[in-house]
Amino acid sequence: MEYTLYRDDGLNTQNLSKADIVVTGVSRCGKTPLSVYMSMFGWKVANVLLIKGIDPPKELFEIDKNRVFGLNINLNHLVIQRQKRWKGIENLSNMNYIDSKAVGQELQFAKFLFKRGGFTQINISNKAIVSTANEIIGFIIDRFGDENQYNKAY
């Protein structure tokens, strides 16, 4: 759990290679809750926030791409999530955060980076965290065949 919390939203990326799993995506796509959930079962999970116009940490493209998962989300679902967040924060003046056109551009930027890195893309729209976690862990087990890692999830 400490590993995951220390690496939330792209913090401390210098040791990203030590992660069992790395999830990446735009703001409010569920990276943190997913990471924390998987870490409760012993997985070392890092998450990296992608922001259009800002280069992601170079470490993201230096680690094993088979451990990196890009989270996709439906545009309308993401805008609704952001509107809920936006209403709860005072002094948030960046209307692009909830503007459908700007959010759509962010999602396209993220997809471009997922393809550039060769990352596995997971659509998380209308999916429970448990389902997404099981999907990611299934990929990890298929790719690395580590029975000990498998037991973490159950």
N, C-alpha and C. Protein backbone atom coordinates (compact mmCIF):
# COMPACT_ATOMS: atom_id res chain seq x y z
N MET A 1 0.83 -1.19 0.00
CA MET A 1 0.00 0.00 0.00
C MET A 1 0.88 1.25 0.00
N GLU A 2 1.94 1.25 0.81
CA GLU A 2 2.83 2.42 0.85
C GLU A 2 3.42 2.72 -0.51
N TYR A 3 3.86 1.66 -1.21
CA TYR A 3 4.44 1.83 -2.54
C TYR A 3 3.45 2.58 -3.43
N THR A 4 2.20 2.16 -3.42
CA THR A 4 1.18 2.74 -4.29
C THR A 4 0.88 4.19 -3.91
N LEU A 5 0.69 4.47 -2.66
CA LEU A 5 0.36 5.83 -2.23
C LEU A 5 1.51 6.80 -2.51
N TYR A 6 2.73 6.30 -2.42
CA TYR A 6 3.91 7.13 -2.67
C TYR A 6 4.05 7.46 -4.15
N ARG A 7 3.39 6.69 -5.00
CA ARG A 7 3.49 6.87 -6.44
C ARG A 7 2.14 7.24 -7.07
N ASP A 8 1.30 7.90 -6.33
CA ASP A 8 -0.02 8.30 -6.82
C ASP A 8 0.11 9.48 -7.78
N ASP A 9 -0.60 9.42 -8.89
CA ASP A 9 -0.65 10.48 -9.90
C ASP A 9 0.71 10.91 -10.42
N GLY A 10 1.59 9.95 -10.59
CA GLY A 10 2.88 10.23 -11.22
C GLY A 10 3.95 10.75 -10.29
N LEU A 11 3.71 10.70 -8.99
CA LEU A 11 4.73 11.11 -8.04
C LEU A 11 5.83 10.06 -7.99
N ASN A 12 7.03 10.49 -7.79
CA ASN A 12 8.17 9.59 -7.55
C ASN A 12 8.31 8.51 -8.63
N THR A 13 8.39 8.94 -9.87
CA THR A 13 8.46 7.99 -10.99
C THR A 13 9.85 7.40 -11.20
N GLN A 14 10.82 7.84 -10.42
CA GLN A 14 12.18 7.32 -10.62
C GLN A 14 12.28 5.82 -10.37
N ASN A 15 11.38 5.23 -9.62
CA ASN A 15 11.41 3.78 -9.36
C ASN A 15 10.20 3.07 -9.97
N LEU A 16 9.68 3.61 -11.05
CA LEU A 16 8.52 3.04 -11.70
C LEU A 16 8.76 1.59 -12.13
N SER A 17 10.00 1.27 -12.44
CA SER A 17 10.33 -0.08 -12.90
C SER A 17 10.12 -1.14 -11.82
N LYS A 18 10.01 -0.73 -10.57
CA LYS A 18 9.79 -1.68 -9.47
C LYS A 18 8.32 -2.03 -9.29
N ALA A 19 7.45 -1.35 -10.05
CA ALA A 19 6.01 -1.62 -9.95
C ALA A 19 5.66 -2.94 -10.60
N ASP A 20 4.72 -3.67 -9.98
CA ASP A 20 4.15 -4.85 -10.62
C ASP A 20 3.26 -4.41 -11.78
N ILE A 21 2.54 -3.31 -11.54
CA ILE A 21 1.53 -2.80 -12.48
C ILE A 21 1.61 -1.28 -12.49
N VAL A 22 1.48 -0.68 -13.67
CA VAL A 22 1.38 0.78 -13.80
C VAL A 22 0.11 1.08 -14.57
N VAL A 23 -0.74 1.94 -13.99
CA VAL A 23 -1.94 2.39 -14.70
C VAL A 23 -1.75 3.86 -15.04
N THR A 24 -2.25 4.24 -16.19
CA THR A 24 -2.10 5.62 -16.64
C THR A 24 -3.37 6.07 -17.34
N GLY A 25 -3.59 7.37 -17.31
CA GLY A 25 -4.78 7.93 -17.96
C GLY A 25 -4.98 9.36 -17.53
N VAL A 26 -6.08 9.94 -18.01
CA VAL A 26 -6.40 11.34 -17.72
C VAL A 26 -7.00 11.49 -16.32
N SER A 27 -7.16 12.71 -15.91
CA SER A 27 -7.73 13.01 -14.60
C SER A 27 -9.16 12.48 -14.49
N ARG A 28 -9.48 11.87 -13.37
CA ARG A 28 -10.80 11.35 -12.99
C ARG A 28 -11.21 10.10 -13.75
N CYS A 29 -10.24 9.34 -14.27
CA CYS A 29 -10.61 8.10 -14.96
C CYS A 29 -10.51 6.90 -14.02
N GLY A 30 -10.20 7.13 -12.75
CA GLY A 30 -10.23 6.04 -11.77
C GLY A 30 -8.90 5.40 -11.45
N LYS A 31 -7.81 6.07 -11.79
CA LYS A 31 -6.48 5.49 -11.54
C LYS A 31 -6.22 5.23 -10.06
N THR A 32 -6.48 6.21 -9.22
CA THR A 32 -6.15 6.07 -7.80
C THR A 32 -6.98 4.99 -7.10
N PRO A 33 -8.31 4.99 -7.22
CA PRO A 33 -9.06 3.93 -6.54
C PRO A 33 -8.68 2.53 -7.03
N LEU A 34 -8.44 2.40 -8.32
CA LEU A 34 -8.03 1.12 -8.89
C LEU A 34 -6.68 0.70 -8.32
N SER A 35 -5.74 1.63 -8.28
CA SER A 35 -4.40 1.33 -7.75
C SER A 35 -4.46 0.93 -6.29
N VAL A 36 -5.21 1.67 -5.51
CA VAL A 36 -5.32 1.37 -4.08
C VAL A 36 -5.98 0.01 -3.87
N TYR A 37 -7.02 -0.27 -4.64
CA TYR A 37 -7.70 -1.57 -4.52
C TYR A 37 -6.72 -2.72 -4.77
N MET A 38 -5.97 -2.64 -5.86
CA MET A 38 -5.03 -3.73 -6.18
C MET A 38 -3.91 -3.80 -5.15
N SER A 39 -3.52 -2.67 -4.61
CA SER A 39 -2.44 -2.68 -3.61
C SER A 39 -2.89 -3.34 -2.31
N MET A 40 -4.18 -3.34 -2.04
CA MET A 40 -4.69 -4.00 -0.83
C MET A 40 -4.44 -5.51 -0.88
N PHE A 41 -4.21 -6.04 -2.07
CA PHE A 41 -3.94 -7.46 -2.23
C PHE A 41 -2.44 -7.74 -2.42
N GLY A 42 -1.63 -6.72 -2.17
CA GLY A 42 -0.18 -6.91 -2.20
C GLY A 42 0.51 -6.51 -3.49
N TRP A 43 -0.21 -6.02 -4.46
CA TRP A 43 0.40 -5.59 -5.71
C TRP A 43 1.06 -4.23 -5.52
N LYS A 44 2.22 -4.06 -6.09
CA LYS A 44 2.88 -2.75 -6.11
C LYS A 44 2.39 -2.05 -7.38
N VAL A 45 1.53 -1.07 -7.18
CA VAL A 45 0.89 -0.39 -8.31
C VAL A 45 1.25 1.09 -8.28
N ALA A 46 1.68 1.59 -9.43
CA ALA A 46 1.93 3.02 -9.59
C ALA A 46 0.90 3.54 -10.59
N ASN A 47 0.54 4.81 -10.45
CA ASN A 47 -0.32 5.39 -11.47
C ASN A 47 0.25 6.71 -11.93
N VAL A 48 0.09 6.95 -13.23
CA VAL A 48 0.68 8.13 -13.86
C VAL A 48 -0.42 8.93 -14.55
N LEU A 49 -0.56 10.17 -14.13
CA LEU A 49 -1.54 11.09 -14.71
C LEU A 49 -1.02 11.61 -16.05
N LEU A 50 -1.91 11.63 -17.04
CA LEU A 50 -1.57 12.20 -18.33
C LEU A 50 -2.32 13.51 -18.50
N ILE A 51 -1.57 14.56 -18.86
CA ILE A 51 -2.14 15.88 -19.05
C ILE A 51 -1.74 16.37 -20.44
N LYS A 52 -2.74 16.71 -21.24
CA LYS A 52 -2.47 17.19 -22.60
C LYS A 52 -1.57 18.42 -22.52
N GLY A 53 -0.51 18.40 -23.31
CA GLY A 53 0.41 19.52 -23.35
C GLY A 53 1.59 19.39 -22.41
N ILE A 54 1.58 18.35 -21.58
CA ILE A 54 2.70 18.11 -20.66
C ILE A 54 3.26 16.73 -20.95
N ASP A 55 4.54 16.67 -21.20
CA ASP A 55 5.17 15.37 -21.46
C ASP A 55 5.08 14.48 -20.23
N PRO A 56 4.66 13.24 -20.42
CA PRO A 56 4.64 12.30 -19.29
C PRO A 56 6.07 11.98 -18.88
N PRO A 57 6.28 11.45 -17.70
CA PRO A 57 7.63 11.10 -17.28
C PRO A 57 8.26 10.10 -18.25
N LYS A 58 9.51 10.30 -18.58
CA LYS A 58 10.20 9.42 -19.53
C LYS A 58 10.24 7.98 -19.03
N GLU A 59 10.21 7.80 -17.73
CA GLU A 59 10.24 6.46 -17.13
C GLU A 59 9.06 5.61 -17.58
N LEU A 60 7.95 6.26 -17.91
CA LEU A 60 6.76 5.52 -18.35
C LEU A 60 7.06 4.72 -19.62
N PHE A 61 7.95 5.24 -20.46
CA PHE A 61 8.26 4.59 -21.73
C PHE A 61 9.53 3.74 -21.65
N GLU A 62 10.15 3.70 -20.48
CA GLU A 62 11.37 2.92 -20.29
C GLU A 62 11.12 1.59 -19.60
N ILE A 63 9.94 1.44 -19.00
CA ILE A 63 9.63 0.21 -18.27
C ILE A 63 8.98 -0.80 -19.22
N ASP A 64 8.82 -2.02 -18.74
CA ASP A 64 8.21 -3.09 -19.53
C ASP A 64 6.77 -2.70 -19.89
N LYS A 65 6.50 -2.52 -21.17
CA LYS A 65 5.17 -2.09 -21.63
C LYS A 65 4.08 -3.09 -21.26
N ASN A 66 4.44 -4.34 -21.01
CA ASN A 66 3.47 -5.36 -20.65
C ASN A 66 2.93 -5.19 -19.23
N ARG A 67 3.50 -4.27 -18.48
CA ARG A 67 3.02 -3.98 -17.12
C ARG A 67 2.24 -2.67 -17.05
N VAL A 68 2.12 -1.99 -18.22
CA VAL A 68 1.47 -0.67 -18.25
C VAL A 68 0.10 -0.79 -18.90
N PHE A 69 -0.89 -0.19 -18.24
CA PHE A 69 -2.28 -0.25 -18.69
C PHE A 69 -2.85 1.15 -18.80
N GLY A 70 -3.27 1.49 -20.02
CA GLY A 70 -3.89 2.79 -20.27
C GLY A 70 -5.39 2.69 -20.07
N LEU A 71 -5.91 3.54 -19.22
CA LEU A 71 -7.34 3.51 -18.92
C LEU A 71 -8.10 4.44 -19.85
N ASN A 72 -9.00 3.85 -20.62
CA ASN A 72 -9.91 4.61 -21.49
C ASN A 72 -11.25 4.73 -20.78
N ILE A 73 -11.95 5.81 -21.08
CA ILE A 73 -13.26 6.03 -20.49
C ILE A 73 -14.13 6.77 -21.49
N ASN A 74 -15.41 6.50 -21.47
CA ASN A 74 -16.37 7.18 -22.33
C ASN A 74 -16.35 8.68 -22.02
N LEU A 75 -16.36 9.49 -23.07
CA LEU A 75 -16.29 10.95 -22.92
C LEU A 75 -17.39 11.48 -22.01
N ASN A 76 -18.64 11.09 -22.25
CA ASN A 76 -19.76 11.62 -21.44
C ASN A 76 -19.62 11.21 -19.98
N HIS A 77 -19.22 9.98 -19.76
CA HIS A 77 -19.04 9.50 -18.38
C HIS A 77 -17.95 10.31 -17.68
N LEU A 78 -16.85 10.58 -18.38
CA LEU A 78 -15.76 11.35 -17.80
C LEU A 78 -16.18 12.79 -17.50
N VAL A 79 -16.90 13.41 -18.41
CA VAL A 79 -17.37 14.78 -18.18
C VAL A 79 -18.26 14.84 -16.94
N ILE A 80 -19.13 13.87 -16.78
CA ILE A 80 -20.01 13.83 -15.60
C ILE A 80 -19.17 13.69 -14.32
N GLN A 81 -18.18 12.80 -14.35
CA GLN A 81 -17.29 12.64 -13.18
C GLN A 81 -16.59 13.95 -12.84
N ARG A 82 -16.12 14.62 -13.87
CA ARG A 82 -15.41 15.88 -13.65
C ARG A 82 -16.34 16.99 -13.18
N GLN A 83 -17.57 17.01 -13.67
CA GLN A 83 -18.52 18.02 -13.21
C GLN A 83 -18.80 17.86 -11.72
N LYS A 84 -18.93 16.62 -11.27
CA LYS A 84 -19.14 16.36 -9.85
C LYS A 84 -17.95 16.88 -9.04
N ARG A 85 -16.75 16.60 -9.51
CA ARG A 85 -15.53 17.05 -8.83
C ARG A 85 -15.44 18.57 -8.87
N TRP A 86 -15.74 19.16 -10.02
CA TRP A 86 -15.62 20.60 -10.23
C TRP A 86 -16.54 21.37 -9.28
N LYS A 87 -17.74 20.85 -9.08
CA LYS A 87 -18.70 21.52 -8.20
C LYS A 87 -18.22 21.52 -6.75
N GLY A 88 -17.41 20.54 -6.38
CA GLY A 88 -16.94 20.42 -5.00
C GLY A 88 -15.67 21.19 -4.69
N ILE A 89 -15.09 21.82 -5.70
CA ILE A 89 -13.83 22.54 -5.48
C ILE A 89 -14.04 24.02 -5.73
N GLU A 90 -13.73 24.81 -4.74
CA GLU A 90 -13.81 26.26 -4.92
C GLU A 90 -12.59 26.74 -5.69
N ASN A 91 -12.77 27.82 -6.41
CA ASN A 91 -11.68 28.47 -7.14
C ASN A 91 -11.13 27.64 -8.29
N LEU A 92 -11.88 26.68 -8.80
CA LEU A 92 -11.44 25.93 -9.97
C LEU A 92 -11.98 26.68 -11.19
N SER A 93 -11.13 27.48 -11.81
CA SER A 93 -11.58 28.35 -12.89
C SER A 93 -11.34 27.77 -14.28
N ASN A 94 -10.66 26.65 -14.39
CA ASN A 94 -10.35 26.08 -15.69
C ASN A 94 -11.57 25.34 -16.24
N MET A 95 -12.33 26.02 -17.09
CA MET A 95 -13.54 25.43 -17.67
C MET A 95 -13.21 24.30 -18.64
N ASN A 96 -11.98 24.23 -19.14
CA ASN A 96 -11.59 23.14 -20.03
C ASN A 96 -11.69 21.80 -19.32
N TYR A 97 -11.62 21.81 -18.00
CA TYR A 97 -11.69 20.60 -17.21
C TYR A 97 -13.01 19.86 -17.43
N ILE A 98 -14.08 20.61 -17.74
CA ILE A 98 -15.40 20.00 -17.93
C ILE A 98 -15.97 20.23 -19.33
N ASP A 99 -15.24 20.91 -20.19
CA ASP A 99 -15.68 21.18 -21.56
C ASP A 99 -15.53 19.91 -22.40
N SER A 100 -16.61 19.45 -23.01
CA SER A 100 -16.60 18.19 -23.76
C SER A 100 -15.54 18.16 -24.86
N LYS A 101 -15.40 19.26 -25.57
CA LYS A 101 -14.41 19.30 -26.65
C LYS A 101 -12.99 19.16 -26.10
N ALA A 102 -12.68 19.92 -25.05
CA ALA A 102 -11.35 19.86 -24.45
C ALA A 102 -11.08 18.49 -23.82
N VAL A 103 -12.08 17.92 -23.17
CA VAL A 103 -11.93 16.60 -22.55
C VAL A 103 -11.71 15.54 -23.63
N GLY A 104 -12.42 15.67 -24.74
CA GLY A 104 -12.24 14.76 -25.86
C GLY A 104 -10.83 14.81 -26.41
N GLN A 105 -10.26 16.02 -26.46
CA GLN A 105 -8.87 16.17 -26.91
C GLN A 105 -7.90 15.51 -25.93
N GLU A 106 -8.20 15.63 -24.65
CA GLU A 106 -7.36 14.96 -23.64
C GLU A 106 -7.37 13.45 -23.83
N LEU A 107 -8.57 12.91 -24.06
CA LEU A 107 -8.69 11.46 -24.27
C LEU A 107 -7.94 11.01 -25.52
N GLN A 108 -7.99 11.81 -26.58
CA GLN A 108 -7.25 11.49 -27.80
C GLN A 108 -5.75 11.52 -27.54
N PHE A 109 -5.30 12.51 -26.78
CA PHE A 109 -3.88 12.61 -26.42
C PHE A 109 -3.45 11.37 -25.64
N ALA A 110 -4.28 10.96 -24.69
CA ALA A 110 -3.96 9.77 -23.90
C ALA A 110 -3.88 8.53 -24.79
N LYS A 111 -4.83 8.36 -25.69
CA LYS A 111 -4.81 7.21 -26.60
C LYS A 111 -3.56 7.22 -27.48
N PHE A 112 -3.15 8.40 -27.92
CA PHE A 112 -1.92 8.53 -28.69
C PHE A 112 -0.73 8.01 -27.89
N LEU A 113 -0.66 8.41 -26.61
CA LEU A 113 0.45 7.97 -25.75
C LEU A 113 0.38 6.47 -25.48
N PHE A 114 -0.82 5.93 -25.31
CA PHE A 114 -0.97 4.49 -25.10
C PHE A 114 -0.41 3.73 -26.30
N LYS A 115 -0.76 4.19 -27.50
CA LYS A 115 -0.26 3.54 -28.72
C LYS A 115 1.24 3.71 -28.85
N ARG A 116 1.72 4.91 -28.58
CA ARG A 116 3.16 5.18 -28.67
C ARG A 116 3.95 4.24 -27.76
N GLY A 117 3.44 4.02 -26.57
CA GLY A 117 4.13 3.16 -25.61
C GLY A 117 3.85 1.68 -25.79
N GLY A 118 2.86 1.34 -26.61
CA GLY A 118 2.48 -0.06 -26.77
C GLY A 118 1.78 -0.61 -25.54
N PHE A 119 1.09 0.27 -24.80
CA PHE A 119 0.42 -0.12 -23.56
C PHE A 119 -0.91 -0.81 -23.86
N THR A 120 -1.30 -1.72 -23.00
CA THR A 120 -2.60 -2.37 -23.09
C THR A 120 -3.66 -1.35 -22.69
N GLN A 121 -4.67 -1.20 -23.53
CA GLN A 121 -5.74 -0.27 -23.22
C GLN A 121 -6.93 -1.01 -22.62
N ILE A 122 -7.45 -0.45 -21.55
CA ILE A 122 -8.59 -1.04 -20.84
C ILE A 122 -9.70 0.02 -20.81
N ASN A 123 -10.88 -0.33 -21.31
CA ASN A 123 -12.00 0.59 -21.22
C ASN A 123 -12.68 0.38 -19.87
N ILE A 124 -12.71 1.41 -19.06
CA ILE A 124 -13.24 1.29 -17.70
C ILE A 124 -14.66 1.86 -17.58
N SER A 125 -15.23 2.32 -18.68
CA SER A 125 -16.58 2.91 -18.64
C SER A 125 -17.58 1.90 -18.09
N ASN A 126 -18.35 2.35 -17.12
CA ASN A 126 -19.42 1.54 -16.52
C ASN A 126 -18.93 0.20 -15.98
N LYS A 127 -17.68 0.15 -15.52
CA LYS A 127 -17.11 -1.07 -14.97
C LYS A 127 -16.78 -0.84 -13.51
N ALA A 128 -17.03 -1.83 -12.71
CA ALA A 128 -16.64 -1.76 -11.30
C ALA A 128 -15.13 -1.89 -11.19
N ILE A 129 -14.57 -1.30 -10.16
CA ILE A 129 -13.13 -1.38 -9.92
C ILE A 129 -12.68 -2.83 -9.85
N VAL A 130 -13.47 -3.67 -9.21
CA VAL A 130 -13.11 -5.08 -9.07
C VAL A 130 -12.96 -5.74 -10.44
N SER A 131 -13.86 -5.45 -11.36
CA SER A 131 -13.79 -6.03 -12.70
C SER A 131 -12.55 -5.58 -13.44
N THR A 132 -12.25 -4.28 -13.36
CA THR A 132 -11.07 -3.75 -14.03
C THR A 132 -9.81 -4.34 -13.41
N ALA A 133 -9.77 -4.43 -12.09
CA ALA A 133 -8.61 -5.00 -11.41
C ALA A 133 -8.40 -6.45 -11.84
N ASN A 134 -9.47 -7.23 -11.88
CA ASN A 134 -9.36 -8.64 -12.29
C ASN A 134 -8.88 -8.76 -13.73
N GLU A 135 -9.35 -7.87 -14.60
CA GLU A 135 -8.91 -7.88 -15.99
C GLU A 135 -7.40 -7.62 -16.09
N ILE A 136 -6.93 -6.60 -15.37
CA ILE A 136 -5.51 -6.26 -15.39
C ILE A 136 -4.67 -7.39 -14.79
N ILE A 137 -5.10 -7.91 -13.67
CA ILE A 137 -4.36 -9.00 -13.02
C ILE A 137 -4.33 -10.23 -13.92
N GLY A 138 -5.43 -10.47 -14.63
CA GLY A 138 -5.45 -11.58 -15.60
C GLY A 138 -4.40 -11.41 -16.68
N PHE A 139 -4.26 -10.19 -17.19
CA PHE A 139 -3.21 -9.92 -18.19
C PHE A 139 -1.83 -10.18 -17.60
N ILE A 140 -1.61 -9.71 -16.38
CA ILE A 140 -0.29 -9.88 -15.74
C ILE A 140 0.03 -11.36 -15.57
N ILE A 141 -0.94 -12.13 -15.12
CA ILE A 141 -0.72 -13.57 -14.93
C ILE A 141 -0.46 -14.27 -16.26
N ASP A 142 -1.24 -13.91 -17.28
CA ASP A 142 -1.02 -14.51 -18.60
C ASP A 142 0.36 -14.19 -19.14
N ARG A 143 0.82 -12.98 -18.89
CA ARG A 143 2.10 -12.53 -19.45
C ARG A 143 3.31 -13.02 -18.66
N PHE A 144 3.15 -13.10 -17.35
CA PHE A 144 4.31 -13.39 -16.52
C PHE A 144 4.20 -14.71 -15.78
N GLY A 145 3.00 -15.30 -15.76
CA GLY A 145 2.80 -16.63 -15.21
C GLY A 145 3.22 -16.81 -13.78
N ASP A 146 3.13 -15.80 -12.98
CA ASP A 146 3.60 -15.89 -11.60
C ASP A 146 2.46 -16.32 -10.69
N GLU A 147 2.49 -17.57 -10.29
CA GLU A 147 1.44 -18.12 -9.42
C GLU A 147 1.37 -17.38 -8.08
N ASN A 148 2.51 -16.97 -7.56
CA ASN A 148 2.52 -16.24 -6.29
C ASN A 148 1.79 -14.91 -6.42
N GLN A 149 1.97 -14.24 -7.55
CA GLN A 149 1.26 -12.97 -7.78
C GLN A 149 -0.24 -13.23 -7.89
N TYR A 150 -0.61 -14.34 -8.53
CA TYR A 150 -2.02 -14.66 -8.70
C TYR A 150 -2.72 -14.78 -7.35
N ASN A 151 -2.07 -15.39 -6.40
CA ASN A 151 -2.67 -15.59 -5.08
C ASN A 151 -2.92 -14.28 -4.35
N LYS A 152 -2.24 -13.20 -4.73
CA LYS A 152 -2.47 -11.91 -4.11
C LYS A 152 -3.90 -11.42 -4.35
N ALA A 153 -4.43 -11.76 -5.52
CA ALA A 153 -5.70 -11.21 -5.91
C ALA A 153 -6.89 -11.92 -5.27
N TYR A 154 -6.66 -13.04 -4.63
CA TYR A 154 -7.79 -13.81 -4.12
C TYR A 154 -7.63 -14.21 -2.67
